[in-house]
Amino acid sequence: TMVLYATALPLSVALLVVSCVSLKMSGRIAPHVA
């Protein structure tokens, strides 16, 4: 549990980066990305 919580920070950052890249490349607003 603690290991998973410790990975929450890099996981959330990775999710943000991937979402931003996906939005930038597609140029359209996808609800699941937001």
PDB file of all heavy atoms in Angstrom:
ATOM      1  N   THR A   1       0.829  -1.199   0.000  1.00  0.00           N
ATOM      2  CA  THR A   1       0.000   0.000   0.000  1.00  0.00           C
ATOM      3  C   THR A   1       0.862   1.247   0.000  1.00  0.00           C
ATOM      4  O   THR A   1       0.640   2.183  -0.768  1.00  0.00           O
ATOM      5  CB  THR A   1      -0.923   0.012   1.242  1.00  0.00           C
ATOM      6  OG1 THR A   1      -1.574  -1.245   1.327  1.00  0.00           O
ATOM      7  CG2 THR A   1      -1.945   1.124   1.147  1.00  0.00           C
ATOM      8  N   MET A   2       1.859   1.263   0.880  1.00  0.00           N
ATOM      9  CA  MET A   2       2.753   2.416   0.947  1.00  0.00           C
ATOM     10  C   MET A   2       3.546   2.558  -0.352  1.00  0.00           C
ATOM     11  O   MET A   2       3.770   3.664  -0.836  1.00  0.00           O
ATOM     12  CB  MET A   2       3.705   2.282   2.140  1.00  0.00           C
ATOM     13  CG  MET A   2       4.656   3.451   2.294  1.00  0.00           C
ATOM     14  SD  MET A   2       3.802   4.999   2.654  1.00  0.00           S
ATOM     15  CE  MET A   2       3.613   4.846   4.433  1.00  0.00           C
ATOM     16  N   VAL A   3       3.978   1.435  -0.912  1.00  0.00           N
ATOM     17  CA  VAL A   3       4.717   1.484  -2.179  1.00  0.00           C
ATOM     18  C   VAL A   3       3.842   2.118  -3.261  1.00  0.00           C
ATOM     19  O   VAL A   3       4.293   2.965  -4.040  1.00  0.00           O
ATOM     20  CB  VAL A   3       5.150   0.067  -2.605  1.00  0.00           C
ATOM     21  CG1 VAL A   3       5.738   0.095  -4.015  1.00  0.00           C
ATOM     22  CG2 VAL A   3       6.162  -0.492  -1.622  1.00  0.00           C
ATOM     23  N   LEU A   4       2.563   1.716  -3.287  1.00  0.00           N
ATOM     24  CA  LEU A   4       1.658   2.254  -4.296  1.00  0.00           C
ATOM     25  C   LEU A   4       1.439   3.748  -4.086  1.00  0.00           C
ATOM     26  O   LEU A   4       1.450   4.534  -5.044  1.00  0.00           O
ATOM     27  CB  LEU A   4       0.318   1.517  -4.248  1.00  0.00           C
ATOM     28  CG  LEU A   4      -0.721   1.954  -5.285  1.00  0.00           C
ATOM     29  CD1 LEU A   4      -0.173   1.807  -6.697  1.00  0.00           C
ATOM     30  CD2 LEU A   4      -2.000   1.151  -5.126  1.00  0.00           C
ATOM     31  N   TYR A   5       1.258   4.170  -2.820  1.00  0.00           N
ATOM     32  CA  TYR A   5       1.073   5.593  -2.541  1.00  0.00           C
ATOM     33  C   TYR A   5       2.322   6.380  -2.916  1.00  0.00           C
ATOM     34  O   TYR A   5       2.244   7.512  -3.383  1.00  0.00           O
ATOM     35  CB  TYR A   5       0.734   5.815  -1.072  1.00  0.00           C
ATOM     36  CG  TYR A   5      -0.643   5.321  -0.676  1.00  0.00           C
ATOM     37  CD1 TYR A   5      -1.018   5.231   0.647  1.00  0.00           C
ATOM     38  CD2 TYR A   5      -1.562   4.940  -1.644  1.00  0.00           C
ATOM     39  CE1 TYR A   5      -2.282   4.770   1.009  1.00  0.00           C
ATOM     40  CE2 TYR A   5      -2.815   4.477  -1.299  1.00  0.00           C
ATOM     41  CZ  TYR A   5      -3.170   4.388   0.022  1.00  0.00           C
ATOM     42  OH  TYR A   5      -4.420   3.931   0.371  1.00  0.00           O
ATOM     43  N   ALA A   6       3.495   5.756  -2.694  1.00  0.00           N
ATOM     44  CA  ALA A   6       4.745   6.424  -3.039  1.00  0.00           C
ATOM     45  C   ALA A   6       4.865   6.618  -4.551  1.00  0.00           C
ATOM     46  O   ALA A   6       5.502   7.573  -5.016  1.00  0.00           O
ATOM     47  CB  ALA A   6       5.932   5.618  -2.517  1.00  0.00           C
ATOM     48  N   THR A   7       4.244   5.721  -5.315  1.00  0.00           N
ATOM     49  CA  THR A   7       4.297   5.860  -6.780  1.00  0.00           C
ATOM     50  C   THR A   7       3.199   6.776  -7.309  1.00  0.00           C
ATOM     51  O   THR A   7       3.165   7.061  -8.504  1.00  0.00           O
ATOM     52  CB  THR A   7       4.159   4.487  -7.466  1.00  0.00           C
ATOM     53  OG1 THR A   7       2.886   3.915  -7.127  1.00  0.00           O
ATOM     54  CG2 THR A   7       5.262   3.539  -7.014  1.00  0.00           C
ATOM     55  N   ALA A   8       2.295   7.215  -6.433  1.00  0.00           N
ATOM     56  CA  ALA A   8       1.191   8.064  -6.894  1.00  0.00           C
ATOM     57  C   ALA A   8       1.702   9.361  -7.505  1.00  0.00           C
ATOM     58  O   ALA A   8       1.131   9.870  -8.478  1.00  0.00           O
ATOM     59  CB  ALA A   8       0.241   8.363  -5.731  1.00  0.00           C
ATOM     60  N   LEU A   9       2.776   9.903  -6.930  1.00  0.00           N
ATOM     61  CA  LEU A   9       3.333  11.152  -7.455  1.00  0.00           C
ATOM     62  C   LEU A   9       3.839  10.986  -8.892  1.00  0.00           C
ATOM     63  O   LEU A   9       3.386  11.712  -9.784  1.00  0.00           O
ATOM     64  CB  LEU A   9       4.436  11.664  -6.532  1.00  0.00           C
ATOM     65  CG  LEU A   9       5.116  12.970  -6.931  1.00  0.00           C
ATOM     66  CD1 LEU A   9       4.113  14.119  -6.948  1.00  0.00           C
ATOM     67  CD2 LEU A   9       6.250  13.307  -5.956  1.00  0.00           C
ATOM     68  N   PRO A  10       4.757  10.043  -9.154  1.00  0.00           N
ATOM     69  CA  PRO A  10       5.197   9.899 -10.561  1.00  0.00           C
ATOM     70  C   PRO A  10       4.081   9.436 -11.497  1.00  0.00           C
ATOM     71  O   PRO A  10       4.053   9.839 -12.661  1.00  0.00           O
ATOM     72  CB  PRO A  10       6.320   8.844 -10.473  1.00  0.00           C
ATOM     73  CG  PRO A  10       6.125   8.152  -9.174  1.00  0.00           C
ATOM     74  CD  PRO A  10       5.530   9.161  -8.256  1.00  0.00           C
ATOM     75  N   LEU A  11       3.152   8.612 -10.998  1.00  0.00           N
ATOM     76  CA  LEU A  11       2.051   8.161 -11.853  1.00  0.00           C
ATOM     77  C   LEU A  11       1.165   9.321 -12.274  1.00  0.00           C
ATOM     78  O   LEU A  11       0.759   9.416 -13.442  1.00  0.00           O
ATOM     79  CB  LEU A  11       1.217   7.109 -11.124  1.00  0.00           C
ATOM     80  CG  LEU A  11       1.808   5.702 -10.990  1.00  0.00           C
ATOM     81  CD1 LEU A  11       0.855   4.807 -10.208  1.00  0.00           C
ATOM     82  CD2 LEU A  11       2.098   5.095 -12.357  1.00  0.00           C
ATOM     83  N   SER A  12       0.852  10.206 -11.328  1.00  0.00           N
ATOM     84  CA  SER A  12      -0.016  11.341 -11.655  1.00  0.00           C
ATOM     85  C   SER A  12       0.692  12.311 -12.591  1.00  0.00           C
ATOM     86  O   SER A  12       0.067  12.860 -13.512  1.00  0.00           O
ATOM     87  CB  SER A  12      -0.460  12.051 -10.371  1.00  0.00           C
ATOM     88  OG  SER A  12       0.643  12.435  -9.580  1.00  0.00           O
ATOM     89  N   VAL A  13       1.997  12.509 -12.387  1.00  0.00           N
ATOM     90  CA  VAL A  13       2.760  13.370 -13.292  1.00  0.00           C
ATOM     91  C   VAL A  13       2.789  12.767 -14.696  1.00  0.00           C
ATOM     92  O   VAL A  13       2.590  13.474 -15.702  1.00  0.00           O
ATOM     93  CB  VAL A  13       4.192  13.585 -12.765  1.00  0.00           C
ATOM     94  CG1 VAL A  13       5.045  14.299 -13.813  1.00  0.00           C
ATOM     95  CG2 VAL A  13       4.179  14.394 -11.470  1.00  0.00           C
ATOM     96  N   ALA A  14       3.009  11.449 -14.777  1.00  0.00           N
ATOM     97  CA  ALA A  14       3.038  10.776 -16.079  1.00  0.00           C
ATOM     98  C   ALA A  14       1.694  10.901 -16.781  1.00  0.00           C
ATOM     99  O   ALA A  14       1.628  11.144 -17.996  1.00  0.00           O
ATOM    100  CB  ALA A  14       3.401   9.298 -15.892  1.00  0.00           C
ATOM    101  N   LEU A  15       0.609  10.748 -16.023  1.00  0.00           N
ATOM    102  CA  LEU A  15      -0.723  10.868 -16.616  1.00  0.00           C
ATOM    103  C   LEU A  15      -0.956  12.274 -17.157  1.00  0.00           C
ATOM    104  O   LEU A  15      -1.525  12.455 -18.242  1.00  0.00           O
ATOM    105  CB  LEU A  15      -1.780  10.523 -15.567  1.00  0.00           C
ATOM    106  CG  LEU A  15      -3.240  10.495 -16.043  1.00  0.00           C
ATOM    107  CD1 LEU A  15      -3.422   9.452 -17.145  1.00  0.00           C
ATOM    108  CD2 LEU A  15      -4.174  10.207 -14.877  1.00  0.00           C
ATOM    109  N   LEU A  16      -0.486  13.269 -16.436  1.00  0.00           N
ATOM    110  CA  LEU A  16      -0.629  14.658 -16.898  1.00  0.00           C
ATOM    111  C   LEU A  16       0.153  14.903 -18.180  1.00  0.00           C
ATOM    112  O   LEU A  16      -0.349  15.527 -19.115  1.00  0.00           O
ATOM    113  CB  LEU A  16      -0.142  15.615 -15.805  1.00  0.00           C
ATOM    114  CG  LEU A  16      -1.123  15.914 -14.675  1.00  0.00           C
ATOM    115  CD1 LEU A  16      -0.423  16.711 -13.578  1.00  0.00           C
ATOM    116  CD2 LEU A  16      -2.310  16.700 -15.200  1.00  0.00           C
ATOM    117  N   VAL A  17       1.378  14.416 -18.202  1.00  0.00           N
ATOM    118  CA  VAL A  17       2.231  14.624 -19.382  1.00  0.00           C
ATOM    119  C   VAL A  17       1.614  13.956 -20.613  1.00  0.00           C
ATOM    120  O   VAL A  17       1.523  14.560 -21.694  1.00  0.00           O
ATOM    121  CB  VAL A  17       3.656  14.076 -19.127  1.00  0.00           C
ATOM    122  CG1 VAL A  17       4.473  14.088 -20.416  1.00  0.00           C
ATOM    123  CG2 VAL A  17       4.357  14.894 -18.046  1.00  0.00           C
ATOM    124  N   VAL A  18       1.193  12.708 -20.444  1.00  0.00           N
ATOM    125  CA  VAL A  18       0.589  11.976 -21.561  1.00  0.00           C
ATOM    126  C   VAL A  18      -0.673  12.680 -22.047  1.00  0.00           C
ATOM    127  O   VAL A  18      -0.930  12.799 -23.251  1.00  0.00           O
ATOM    128  CB  VAL A  18       0.273  10.525 -21.142  1.00  0.00           C
ATOM    129  CG1 VAL A  18      -0.579   9.832 -22.213  1.00  0.00           C
ATOM    130  CG2 VAL A  18       1.557   9.750 -20.910  1.00  0.00           C
ATOM    131  N   SER A  19      -1.486  13.177 -21.106  1.00  0.00           N
ATOM    132  CA  SER A  19      -2.724  13.868 -21.471  1.00  0.00           C
ATOM    133  C   SER A  19      -2.435  15.140 -22.250  1.00  0.00           C
ATOM    134  O   SER A  19      -3.098  15.437 -23.256  1.00  0.00           O
ATOM    135  CB  SER A  19      -3.517  14.209 -20.215  1.00  0.00           C
ATOM    136  OG  SER A  19      -3.865  13.048 -19.493  1.00  0.00           O
ATOM    137  N   CYS A  20      -1.442  15.906 -21.803  1.00  0.00           N
ATOM    138  CA  CYS A  20      -1.084  17.153 -22.497  1.00  0.00           C
ATOM    139  C   CYS A  20      -0.562  16.874 -23.906  1.00  0.00           C
ATOM    140  O   CYS A  20      -0.923  17.575 -24.865  1.00  0.00           O
ATOM    141  CB  CYS A  20      -0.039  17.925 -21.690  1.00  0.00           C
ATOM    142  SG  CYS A  20      -0.681  18.656 -20.164  1.00  0.00           S
ATOM    143  N   VAL A  21       0.276  15.849 -24.022  1.00  0.00           N
ATOM    144  CA  VAL A  21       0.824  15.496 -25.335  1.00  0.00           C
ATOM    145  C   VAL A  21      -0.296  15.046 -26.269  1.00  0.00           C
ATOM    146  O   VAL A  21      -0.356  15.430 -27.446  1.00  0.00           O
ATOM    147  CB  VAL A  21       1.893  14.391 -25.195  1.00  0.00           C
ATOM    148  CG1 VAL A  21       2.292  13.855 -26.575  1.00  0.00           C
ATOM    149  CG2 VAL A  21       3.104  14.916 -24.457  1.00  0.00           C
ATOM    150  N   SER A  22      -1.225  14.223 -25.737  1.00  0.00           N
ATOM    151  CA  SER A  22      -2.351  13.736 -26.540  1.00  0.00           C
ATOM    152  C   SER A  22      -3.211  14.899 -27.020  1.00  0.00           C
ATOM    153  O   SER A  22      -3.620  14.941 -28.193  1.00  0.00           O
ATOM    154  CB  SER A  22      -3.190  12.766 -25.704  1.00  0.00           C
ATOM    155  OG  SER A  22      -4.362  12.395 -26.385  1.00  0.00           O
ATOM    156  N   LEU A  23      -3.470  15.853 -26.142  1.00  0.00           N
ATOM    157  CA  LEU A  23      -4.285  17.007 -26.513  1.00  0.00           C
ATOM    158  C   LEU A  23      -3.581  17.865 -27.545  1.00  0.00           C
ATOM    159  O   LEU A  23      -4.192  18.336 -28.519  1.00  0.00           O
ATOM    160  CB  LEU A  23      -4.599  17.832 -25.259  1.00  0.00           C
ATOM    161  CG  LEU A  23      -5.428  19.106 -25.464  1.00  0.00           C
ATOM    162  CD1 LEU A  23      -6.790  18.772 -26.063  1.00  0.00           C
ATOM    163  CD2 LEU A  23      -5.602  19.842 -24.150  1.00  0.00           C
ATOM    164  N   LYS A  24      -2.289  18.061 -27.370  1.00  0.00           N
ATOM    165  CA  LYS A  24      -1.525  18.900 -28.298  1.00  0.00           C
ATOM    166  C   LYS A  24      -1.466  18.281 -29.685  1.00  0.00           C
ATOM    167  O   LYS A  24      -1.608  18.975 -30.709  1.00  0.00           O
ATOM    168  CB  LYS A  24      -0.107  19.095 -27.747  1.00  0.00           C
ATOM    169  CG  LYS A  24       0.768  20.007 -28.581  1.00  0.00           C
ATOM    170  CD  LYS A  24       0.240  21.439 -28.561  1.00  0.00           C
ATOM    171  CE  LYS A  24       1.181  22.385 -29.307  1.00  0.00           C
ATOM    172  NZ  LYS A  24       0.637  23.760 -29.367  1.00  0.00           N
ATOM    173  N   MET A  25      -1.294  16.951 -29.716  1.00  0.00           N
ATOM    174  CA  MET A  25      -1.151  16.280 -31.017  1.00  0.00           C
ATOM    175  C   MET A  25      -2.484  16.174 -31.750  1.00  0.00           C
ATOM    176  O   MET A  25      -2.542  16.320 -32.967  1.00  0.00           O
ATOM    177  CB  MET A  25      -0.565  14.875 -30.817  1.00  0.00           C
ATOM    178  CG  MET A  25       0.897  14.884 -30.348  1.00  0.00           C
ATOM    179  SD  MET A  25       1.557  13.226 -30.116  1.00  0.00           S
ATOM    180  CE  MET A  25       1.490  12.604 -31.795  1.00  0.00           C
ATOM    181  N   SER A  26      -3.562  15.934 -31.003  1.00  0.00           N
ATOM    182  CA  SER A  26      -4.855  15.756 -31.660  1.00  0.00           C
ATOM    183  C   SER A  26      -5.503  17.093 -32.012  1.00  0.00           C
ATOM    184  O   SER A  26      -6.245  17.200 -32.991  1.00  0.00           O
ATOM    185  CB  SER A  26      -5.803  14.958 -30.759  1.00  0.00           C
ATOM    186  OG  SER A  26      -6.116  15.698 -29.590  1.00  0.00           O
ATOM    187  N   GLY A  27      -5.244  18.108 -31.192  1.00  0.00           N
ATOM    188  CA  GLY A  27      -5.811  19.424 -31.438  1.00  0.00           C
ATOM    189  C   GLY A  27      -7.288  19.525 -31.115  1.00  0.00           C
ATOM    190  O   GLY A  27      -7.922  20.557 -31.336  1.00  0.00           O
ATOM    191  N   ARG A  28      -7.857  18.455 -30.559  1.00  0.00           N
ATOM    192  CA  ARG A  28      -9.276  18.501 -30.193  1.00  0.00           C
ATOM    193  C   ARG A  28      -9.447  18.112 -28.732  1.00  0.00           C
ATOM    194  O   ARG A  28      -8.603  17.429 -28.153  1.00  0.00           O
ATOM    195  CB  ARG A  28     -10.104  17.583 -31.089  1.00  0.00           C
ATOM    196  CG  ARG A  28      -9.775  16.111 -30.934  1.00  0.00           C
ATOM    197  CD  ARG A  28     -10.571  15.259 -31.924  1.00  0.00           C
ATOM    198  NE  ARG A  28     -10.337  13.839 -31.725  1.00  0.00           N
ATOM    199  CZ  ARG A  28     -11.005  13.099 -30.842  1.00  0.00           C
ATOM    200  NH1 ARG A  28     -11.960  13.646 -30.102  1.00  0.00           N
ATOM    201  NH2 ARG A  28     -10.750  11.808 -30.714  1.00  0.00           N
ATOM    202  N   ILE A  29     -10.563  18.544 -28.156  1.00  0.00           N
ATOM    203  CA  ILE A  29     -10.814  18.322 -26.737  1.00  0.00           C
ATOM    204  C   ILE A  29     -11.535  16.998 -26.569  1.00  0.00           C
ATOM    205  O   ILE A  29     -12.700  16.857 -26.931  1.00  0.00           O
ATOM    206  CB  ILE A  29     -11.666  19.464 -26.150  1.00  0.00           C
ATOM    207  CG1 ILE A  29     -10.985  20.806 -26.417  1.00  0.00           C
ATOM    208  CG2 ILE A  29     -11.887  19.261 -24.666  1.00  0.00           C
ATOM    209  CD1 ILE A  29     -11.892  21.981 -26.166  1.00  0.00           C
ATOM    210  N   ALA A  30     -10.825  16.003 -26.029  1.00  0.00           N
ATOM    211  CA  ALA A  30     -11.442  14.711 -25.741  1.00  0.00           C
ATOM    212  C   ALA A  30     -11.847  14.683 -24.269  1.00  0.00           C
ATOM    213  O   ALA A  30     -11.013  14.974 -23.397  1.00  0.00           O
ATOM    214  CB  ALA A  30     -10.460  13.582 -26.047  1.00  0.00           C
ATOM    215  N   PRO A  31     -13.096  14.353 -23.947  1.00  0.00           N
ATOM    216  CA  PRO A  31     -13.548  14.375 -22.552  1.00  0.00           C
ATOM    217  C   PRO A  31     -12.696  13.521 -21.617  1.00  0.00           C
ATOM    218  O   PRO A  31     -12.409  13.922 -20.491  1.00  0.00           O
ATOM    219  CB  PRO A  31     -14.982  13.836 -22.640  1.00  0.00           C
ATOM    220  CG  PRO A  31     -15.431  14.154 -24.022  1.00  0.00           C
ATOM    221  CD  PRO A  31     -14.196  14.027 -24.868  1.00  0.00           C
ATOM    222  N   HIS A  32     -12.261  12.336 -22.095  1.00  0.00           N
ATOM    223  CA  HIS A  32     -11.487  11.458 -21.215  1.00  0.00           C
ATOM    224  C   HIS A  32     -10.106  12.038 -20.928  1.00  0.00           C
ATOM    225  O   HIS A  32      -9.541  11.812 -19.848  1.00  0.00           O
ATOM    226  CB  HIS A  32     -11.378  10.052 -21.826  1.00  0.00           C
ATOM    227  CG  HIS A  32     -10.439   9.963 -23.002  1.00  0.00           C
ATOM    228  ND1 HIS A  32     -10.835  10.263 -24.287  1.00  0.00           N
ATOM    229  CD2 HIS A  32      -9.124   9.617 -23.077  1.00  0.00           C
ATOM    230  CE1 HIS A  32      -9.821  10.098 -25.111  1.00  0.00           C
ATOM    231  NE2 HIS A  32      -8.768   9.707 -24.407  1.00  0.00           N
ATOM    232  N   VAL A  33      -9.555  12.819 -21.856  1.00  0.00           N
ATOM    233  CA  VAL A  33      -8.251  13.441 -21.622  1.00  0.00           C
ATOM    234  C   VAL A  33      -8.367  14.511 -20.546  1.00  0.00           C
ATOM    235  O   VAL A  33      -7.525  14.600 -19.641  1.00  0.00           O
ATOM    236  CB  VAL A  33      -7.700  14.051 -22.931  1.00  0.00           C
ATOM    237  CG1 VAL A  33      -6.428  14.855 -22.649  1.00  0.00           C
ATOM    238  CG2 VAL A  33      -7.414  12.948 -23.953  1.00  0.00           C
ATOM    239  N   ALA A  34      -9.411  15.330 -20.619  1.00  0.00           N
ATOM    240  CA  ALA A  34      -9.628  16.341 -19.591  1.00  0.00           C
ATOM    241  C   ALA A  34      -9.860  15.693 -18.229  1.00  0.00           C
ATOM    242  O   ALA A  34      -9.341  16.157 -17.197  1.00  0.00           O
ATOM    243  CB  ALA A  34     -10.827  17.216 -19.968  1.00  0.00           C
TER     244      ALA A  34
END
